[in-house]
Amino acid sequence: MKVAFLQLPVDLGFGGPEWHHLYNVLATDRPNILVTNEMPFGPWVASGEAFDVSAAKLTSDVHELGLRALMDLPVPIVFSSRPRLFNASLVNEAFALDHGRYVYLHQKQYFPQEPGFYEKTWFHSTQSGFETTNIGGLNIGVLLCTELMFNEHARAYGREGADIIVAPRSTGMSSSRWLTAGAMAAIVSGAYVVSSNRSGVDCSGQAFGGCGFAFNPLGELIASTSSENPVLTFELDIGLSRFQKREYPCYVDEMAPNPHLL
């Protein structure tokens, strides 16, 4: 099974030259799965320090229209996220498009609050939990951007039998910590970890670092994207993921204290 990941330009629209280039690359490579970056279309709304309901509605509407563009890509299964307006605030909803069928996956739970990323101001959650979903015969876990930093959820996904953890991101210029987080998520889960990111400087001056990446279930880097190679693919070996669940450190259980030994 072939999986594609990428770095997409900031302020992305559908129908422009960047979108047509993506379409042509995917039409040539013919992946089975595509992982996009977090909330891929239009301006990065969370760069604003104060919540603006009109901007929130605009980004929600743009991503609603973007669903059709994603469905039209020559890929059977697409994983992405989108902002949705609920009760005068936004939720960041991860979803799959499975042969054109919309499948809810997860709402983002962890929100940074710092210059360029005032997500706690803009977003909330209406649904809790981190559960796997079977899509196309694969058990899928989702960690949206900052959630990748919290290894307990990657480990729990592994215990639930996740074959792949998809991690759409919108992150800054430094990539080293994200690569470390991706590697550790793969190691503790025994799953593939695949992440895509925005790239470039947007209309508000916010910079994004690209570097989409994929790690195998042993925590080894398969590849990472660059400006020269913004779209990459790899062959997912489901047997490797399921074998690694029985290997170190995935099989290790946490031991409760034995009061009789105290």
Protein backbone atom coordinates (compact mmCIF):
# COMPACT_ATOMS: atom_id res chain seq x y z
CA MET A 1 0.00 0.00 0.00
CA LYS A 2 1.50 3.31 -1.11
CA VAL A 3 1.22 6.35 1.19
CA ALA A 4 1.88 9.96 0.14
CA PHE A 5 2.85 12.84 2.44
CA LEU A 6 3.88 16.39 1.61
CA GLN A 7 4.51 20.00 2.41
CA LEU A 8 1.90 22.35 0.97
CA PRO A 9 2.38 26.08 0.36
CA VAL A 10 0.79 28.59 2.74
CA ASP A 11 -2.49 30.33 1.85
CA LEU A 12 -3.30 27.38 -0.41
CA GLY A 13 -6.23 27.64 -2.77
CA PHE A 14 -7.70 24.94 -4.97
CA GLY A 15 -7.47 25.40 -8.69
CA GLY A 16 -4.20 27.35 -8.73
CA PRO A 17 -0.81 26.17 -10.09
CA GLU A 18 0.27 24.59 -6.78
CA TRP A 19 -2.93 22.56 -6.65
CA HIS A 20 -2.58 21.44 -10.27
CA HIS A 21 1.04 20.41 -9.59
CA LEU A 22 -0.10 18.32 -6.61
CA TYR A 23 -2.81 16.70 -8.72
CA ASN A 24 -0.33 15.81 -11.47
CA VAL A 25 2.20 14.32 -9.03
CA LEU A 26 -0.47 12.18 -7.41
CA ALA A 27 -1.82 11.11 -10.80
CA THR A 28 1.67 9.92 -11.72
CA ASP A 29 2.60 8.24 -8.41
CA ARG A 30 -0.89 6.74 -7.78
CA PRO A 31 -0.73 6.43 -3.97
CA ASN A 32 -3.50 4.63 -2.10
CA ILE A 33 -3.40 7.11 0.80
CA LEU A 34 -2.64 10.82 1.10
CA VAL A 35 -1.94 12.63 4.38
CA THR A 36 -2.31 16.41 4.09
CA ASN A 37 -1.17 19.07 6.52
CA GLU A 38 -3.41 20.47 9.26
CA MET A 39 -6.23 22.70 7.94
CA PRO A 40 -4.53 23.07 4.53
CA PHE A 41 -6.60 25.78 2.83
CA GLY A 42 -6.40 29.55 3.07
CA PRO A 43 -4.75 31.72 5.73
CA TRP A 44 -3.60 30.32 9.07
CA VAL A 45 -6.39 31.73 11.23
CA ALA A 46 -4.69 31.17 14.60
CA SER A 47 -2.01 33.79 13.94
CA GLY A 48 -4.50 36.40 15.18
CA GLU A 49 -4.22 37.18 18.90
CA ALA A 50 -7.94 38.00 19.21
CA PHE A 51 -10.81 35.80 18.04
CA ASP A 52 -12.71 37.15 15.04
CA VAL A 53 -15.98 35.43 14.22
CA SER A 54 -15.96 36.59 10.58
CA ALA A 55 -12.45 35.16 10.05
CA ALA A 56 -13.53 31.96 11.79
CA LYS A 57 -16.54 31.62 9.50
CA LEU A 58 -14.39 32.32 6.44
CA THR A 59 -11.84 29.60 7.23
CA SER A 60 -14.64 27.16 8.04
CA ASP A 61 -16.37 27.93 4.73
CA VAL A 62 -13.12 27.69 2.72
CA HIS A 63 -12.42 24.24 4.13
CA GLU A 64 -15.99 23.13 3.48
CA LEU A 65 -15.42 23.98 -0.18
CA GLY A 66 -12.02 22.29 0.02
CA LEU A 67 -13.66 18.94 0.73
CA ARG A 68 -14.76 18.72 -2.89
CA ALA A 69 -11.24 19.56 -4.10
CA LEU A 70 -9.79 16.81 -1.89
CA MET A 71 -12.39 14.33 -3.15
CA ASP A 72 -11.38 15.12 -6.72
CA LEU A 73 -7.72 14.21 -6.14
CA PRO A 74 -6.65 10.91 -7.72
CA VAL A 75 -6.22 9.18 -4.33
CA PRO A 76 -8.77 6.72 -2.88
CA ILE A 77 -8.19 7.71 0.78
CA VAL A 78 -7.29 11.19 2.08
CA PHE A 79 -6.55 12.14 5.70
CA SER A 80 -6.77 15.80 6.65
CA SER A 81 -8.30 18.23 9.15
CA ARG A 82 -10.57 21.23 8.92
CA PRO A 83 -11.89 24.04 11.14
CA ARG A 84 -15.61 23.91 11.86
CA LEU A 85 -17.59 26.69 13.53
CA PHE A 86 -19.45 25.60 16.69
CA ASN A 87 -20.98 27.96 19.30
CA ALA A 88 -19.00 31.05 18.24
CA SER A 89 -15.69 29.16 18.29
CA LEU A 90 -13.89 26.65 16.10
CA VAL A 91 -13.11 22.96 16.43
CA ASN A 92 -10.26 21.34 14.52
CA GLU A 93 -11.70 18.11 13.13
CA ALA A 94 -9.60 15.32 11.66
CA PHE A 95 -11.36 13.28 9.00
CA ALA A 96 -10.88 10.73 6.26
CA LEU A 97 -12.28 10.79 2.76
CA ASP A 98 -12.68 7.09 1.98
CA HIS A 99 -13.50 6.84 -1.73
CA GLY A 100 -15.44 10.10 -1.36
CA ARG A 101 -17.19 9.13 1.89
CA TYR A 102 -16.60 11.55 4.79
CA VAL A 103 -15.49 9.78 8.00
CA TYR A 104 -15.09 11.68 11.28
CA LEU A 105 -11.91 10.67 13.11
CA HIS A 106 -10.97 13.02 15.95
CA GLN A 107 -11.14 16.54 17.38
CA LYS A 108 -7.93 18.25 18.44
CA GLN A 109 -7.50 18.40 22.23
CA TYR A 110 -4.16 20.19 22.77
CA PHE A 111 -3.85 23.87 21.81
CA PRO A 112 -0.73 26.06 22.05
CA GLN A 113 -1.02 29.73 22.98
CA GLU A 114 1.91 31.81 21.77
CA PRO A 115 2.75 34.30 19.01
CA GLY A 116 1.63 32.93 15.66
CA PHE A 117 -0.21 30.02 17.28
CA TYR A 118 -3.02 31.43 19.44
CA GLU A 119 -4.99 28.22 19.06
CA LYS A 120 -6.44 28.25 22.58
CA THR A 121 -8.10 31.56 21.67
CA TRP A 122 -9.60 30.23 18.46
CA PHE A 123 -10.42 26.60 19.19
CA HIS A 124 -12.21 24.35 21.65
CA SER A 125 -13.29 20.71 21.63
CA THR A 126 -16.78 19.26 21.71
CA GLN A 127 -15.68 15.61 21.67
CA SER A 128 -12.93 14.01 23.72
CA GLY A 129 -10.97 10.84 23.18
CA PHE A 130 -8.28 9.25 21.04
CA GLU A 131 -9.69 6.16 19.32
CA THR A 132 -8.52 4.19 16.31
CA THR A 133 -10.72 3.91 13.22
CA ASN A 134 -10.54 1.22 10.56
CA ILE A 135 -10.19 2.77 7.11
CA GLY A 136 -9.33 0.68 4.05
CA GLY A 137 -8.34 -2.29 6.20
CA LEU A 138 -5.89 -0.24 8.30
CA ASN A 139 -6.29 0.78 11.93
CA ILE A 140 -5.79 4.54 11.98
CA GLY A 141 -4.84 6.81 14.87
CA VAL A 142 -4.70 10.62 14.64
CA LEU A 143 -2.45 13.08 16.44
CA LEU A 144 -3.09 16.61 15.23
CA CYS A 145 0.09 18.70 15.32
CA THR A 146 0.85 19.50 19.02
CA GLU A 147 -0.77 16.22 20.06
CA LEU A 148 2.25 14.45 18.54
CA MET A 149 4.28 15.76 21.50
CA PHE A 150 2.30 13.62 23.97
CA ASN A 151 3.65 10.09 23.78
CA GLU A 152 0.99 8.57 26.02
CA HIS A 153 -1.52 8.86 23.18
CA ALA A 154 0.83 7.28 20.63
CA ARG A 155 1.44 4.39 23.03
CA ALA A 156 -2.30 3.97 23.61
CA TYR A 157 -2.88 3.90 19.84
CA GLY A 158 -0.32 1.13 19.59
CA ARG A 159 -2.14 -0.84 22.29
CA GLU A 160 -5.33 -0.41 20.24
CA GLY A 161 -3.58 -1.95 17.23
CA ALA A 162 -2.91 1.18 15.17
CA ASP A 163 -1.10 0.38 11.92
CA ILE A 164 -0.48 4.04 11.10
CA ILE A 165 -0.70 7.30 13.04
CA VAL A 166 -1.42 10.29 10.82
CA ALA A 167 -0.21 13.64 12.14
CA PRO A 168 -1.26 16.65 10.04
CA ARG A 169 0.76 19.70 11.19
CA SER A 170 1.06 23.46 10.83
CA THR A 171 4.40 24.10 12.53
CA GLY A 172 7.16 26.72 12.43
CA MET A 173 10.63 26.72 10.95
CA SER A 174 12.36 24.40 13.44
CA SER A 175 11.81 20.75 12.57
CA SER A 176 14.17 18.90 14.95
CA ARG A 177 11.71 18.45 17.84
CA TRP A 178 8.97 17.36 15.46
CA LEU A 179 11.22 14.70 13.95
CA THR A 180 12.07 13.49 17.45
CA ALA A 181 8.38 13.41 18.38
CA GLY A 182 7.55 11.47 15.22
CA ALA A 183 10.29 8.94 15.86
CA MET A 184 9.25 8.40 19.48
CA ALA A 185 5.58 8.06 18.52
CA ALA A 186 6.54 5.30 16.09
CA ILE A 187 8.80 3.56 18.62
CA VAL A 188 6.25 3.47 21.46
CA SER A 189 3.30 2.53 19.21
CA GLY A 190 4.91 0.12 16.76
CA ALA A 191 3.03 2.00 14.04
CA TYR A 192 4.00 4.04 11.01
CA VAL A 193 3.87 7.77 11.75
CA VAL A 194 3.16 10.05 8.79
CA SER A 195 3.05 13.84 8.97
CA SER A 196 2.60 16.69 6.48
CA ASN A 197 3.11 20.42 7.09
CA ARG A 198 2.63 23.90 5.64
CA SER A 199 5.64 25.55 4.03
CA GLY A 200 6.57 29.19 3.49
CA VAL A 201 5.59 32.60 4.87
CA ASP A 202 1.89 33.46 4.80
CA CYS A 203 0.05 36.76 4.31
CA SER A 204 0.29 37.56 8.04
CA GLY A 205 4.06 36.99 8.12
CA GLN A 206 3.80 33.64 9.91
CA ALA A 207 6.52 31.20 8.76
CA PHE A 208 6.03 27.46 8.41
CA GLY A 209 8.86 24.97 8.03
CA GLY A 210 7.61 22.22 5.75
CA CYS A 211 9.41 18.93 6.47
CA GLY A 212 6.66 16.39 6.07
CA PHE A 213 7.98 13.04 7.25
CA ALA A 214 7.32 9.34 7.59
CA PHE A 215 8.76 6.94 10.18
CA ASN A 216 8.51 3.16 10.11
CA PRO A 217 7.32 1.19 13.17
CA LEU A 218 10.92 0.86 14.44
CA GLY A 219 11.22 4.65 14.61
CA GLU A 220 13.48 4.88 11.55
CA LEU A 221 13.03 7.85 9.23
CA ILE A 222 11.77 6.73 5.83
CA ALA A 223 12.01 10.17 4.21
CA SER A 224 11.23 13.86 4.73
CA THR A 225 10.01 16.43 2.23
CA SER A 226 11.86 19.52 1.03
CA SER A 227 11.29 22.40 -1.38
CA GLU A 228 12.92 20.22 -4.07
CA ASN A 229 10.77 17.20 -3.19
CA PRO A 230 7.51 18.50 -1.69
CA VAL A 231 5.53 15.28 -2.28
CA LEU A 232 6.91 11.85 -1.37
CA THR A 233 5.54 8.32 -1.18
CA PHE A 234 6.52 5.06 0.49
CA GLU A 235 5.25 1.50 0.60
CA LEU A 236 3.53 0.65 3.89
CA ASP A 237 4.17 -2.89 5.13
CA ILE A 238 1.24 -3.74 7.39
CA GLY A 239 3.00 -6.91 8.51
CA LEU A 240 5.91 -4.91 9.94
CA SER A 241 3.59 -2.79 12.03
CA ARG A 242 1.73 -5.78 13.41
CA PHE A 243 4.98 -7.67 14.10
CA GLN A 244 6.51 -4.71 15.92
CA LYS A 245 3.62 -4.61 18.40
CA ARG A 246 5.13 -7.77 19.94
CA GLU A 247 8.66 -6.37 20.09
CA TYR A 248 10.50 -4.04 22.48
CA PRO A 249 9.40 -1.59 23.78
CA CYS A 250 5.81 -2.07 22.64
CA TYR A 251 5.19 -5.25 24.63
CA VAL A 252 6.39 -3.75 27.93
CA ASP A 253 3.66 -3.33 30.55
CA GLU A 254 3.66 -0.83 33.38
CA MET A 255 3.97 -2.73 36.67
CA ALA A 256 1.84 -1.61 39.61
CA PRO A 257 3.65 -1.41 42.96
CA ASN A 258 3.48 -4.61 45.02
CA PRO A 259 2.56 -3.58 48.58
CA HIS A 260 3.86 -6.89 49.94
CA LEU A 261 7.39 -5.93 48.89
CA LEU A 262 7.35 -2.54 50.62
